[in-house]
Amino acid sequence: MPKEMMRTHIVIPKDLVADVDRLVGARHRSEFVAEAVAEKVARDRLREAAHRLGGSLADKEIPGWESTESAAEWVRALRRESEQRRQPENV
C-alpha cells in the first residue's frame, strides 16, 4: 500500500537545489529530498535510542565485556566466526 503523500513548502539554499537537480533531475527532486530526510530521521532516532540506553548494561556481568580491550576481542571473534561461516567448505 503506497504511503500517503502530503505537499509541503520548504526553503533550502539555491545552490543545494541545483546540486540535487544535477544529481537526479528536477522531476525527481521530491523523491530525493524525501529519501534524504528519511535517512536523517533514522540516524537521529538511532542516536536518541543510543543515548537513552547508554550505560544501561554498566552494572551487568557480561562475559567478554570486562574491559574495552576484551570487548574489542569479543567483537573480533564474532567477526571471525561470521567470516568462517561465509567461506565455502574445502572439499
Protein backbone atom coordinates (compact mmCIF):
# COMPACT_ATOMS: atom_id res chain seq x y z
CA MET A 1 0.00 0.00 0.00
CA PRO A 2 1.56 3.35 -1.00
CA LYS A 3 2.33 5.87 1.69
CA GLU A 4 0.04 8.85 1.94
CA MET A 5 1.73 11.88 0.43
CA MET A 6 1.49 15.48 1.57
CA ARG A 7 2.55 18.63 -0.21
CA THR A 8 4.72 20.92 1.90
CA HIS A 9 6.74 24.05 1.36
CA ILE A 10 10.40 24.04 2.36
CA VAL A 11 13.07 26.66 1.85
CA ILE A 12 16.60 25.47 1.07
CA PRO A 13 19.64 27.18 -0.47
CA LYS A 14 19.50 27.67 -4.24
CA ASP A 15 22.89 26.03 -4.79
CA LEU A 16 21.69 22.93 -2.92
CA VAL A 17 18.64 22.70 -5.19
CA ALA A 18 20.95 22.99 -8.20
CA ASP A 19 23.14 20.17 -6.84
CA VAL A 20 20.11 17.93 -6.33
CA ASP A 21 18.84 18.72 -9.83
CA ARG A 22 22.24 17.86 -11.32
CA LEU A 23 22.20 14.53 -9.49
CA VAL A 24 18.63 13.38 -10.06
CA GLY A 25 16.87 15.97 -12.21
CA ALA A 26 14.15 18.41 -11.24
CA ARG A 27 11.41 15.82 -11.75
CA HIS A 28 12.89 13.58 -9.04
CA ARG A 29 13.71 16.33 -6.57
CA SER A 30 10.90 15.49 -4.10
CA GLU A 31 11.79 11.79 -4.09
CA PHE A 32 15.46 12.59 -3.44
CA VAL A 33 14.69 15.06 -0.65
CA ALA A 34 12.21 12.66 1.00
CA GLU A 35 14.80 9.86 0.94
CA ALA A 36 17.48 12.14 2.40
CA VAL A 37 15.16 13.33 5.17
CA ALA A 38 14.14 9.74 5.95
CA GLU A 39 17.82 8.75 6.31
CA LYS A 40 18.49 11.71 8.62
CA VAL A 41 15.43 10.92 10.76
CA ALA A 42 16.54 7.28 11.06
CA ARG A 43 20.06 8.35 12.16
CA ASP A 44 18.66 10.79 14.72
CA ARG A 45 16.28 8.16 16.11
CA LEU A 46 19.17 5.72 16.43
CA ARG A 47 21.27 8.37 18.20
CA GLU A 48 18.38 9.10 20.61
CA ALA A 49 17.99 5.39 21.37
CA ALA A 50 21.73 5.05 21.98
CA HIS A 51 21.64 7.97 24.42
CA ARG A 52 18.63 6.52 26.25
CA LEU A 53 20.25 3.10 26.53
CA GLY A 54 23.80 4.29 27.13
CA GLY A 55 25.19 2.78 30.31
CA SER A 56 22.19 0.50 30.84
CA LEU A 57 24.47 -2.54 30.97
CA ALA A 58 27.08 -0.94 33.25
CA ASP A 59 26.04 -2.94 36.31
CA LYS A 60 25.60 -6.25 34.44
CA GLU A 61 28.14 -9.05 34.29
CA ILE A 62 28.61 -9.88 30.60
CA PRO A 63 31.39 -12.33 29.74
CA GLY A 64 33.83 -10.77 27.31
CA TRP A 65 32.89 -7.19 28.16
CA GLU A 66 35.08 -6.74 31.24
CA SER A 67 37.19 -4.04 29.56
CA THR A 68 37.40 -2.12 26.32
CA GLU A 69 40.11 -4.49 25.13
CA SER A 70 38.13 -7.63 25.97
CA ALA A 71 35.00 -6.20 24.30
CA ALA A 72 37.04 -5.44 21.17
CA GLU A 73 38.38 -9.01 21.15
CA TRP A 74 34.82 -10.34 21.62
CA VAL A 75 33.73 -8.38 18.53
CA ARG A 76 36.76 -9.61 16.54
CA ALA A 77 35.94 -13.20 17.50
CA LEU A 78 32.34 -12.79 16.34
CA ARG A 79 33.56 -11.36 13.04
CA ARG A 80 35.99 -14.27 12.57
CA GLU A 81 33.18 -16.75 13.21
CA SER A 82 30.93 -14.94 10.77
CA GLU A 83 33.68 -14.87 8.13
CA GLN A 84 34.33 -18.59 8.59
CA ARG A 85 30.64 -19.37 8.07
CA ARG A 86 30.71 -17.43 4.79
CA GLN A 87 33.76 -19.30 3.47
CA PRO A 88 32.98 -22.24 1.18
CA GLU A 89 33.89 -25.61 2.63
CA ASN A 90 37.20 -27.05 1.43
CA VAL A 91 36.08 -30.20 -0.34
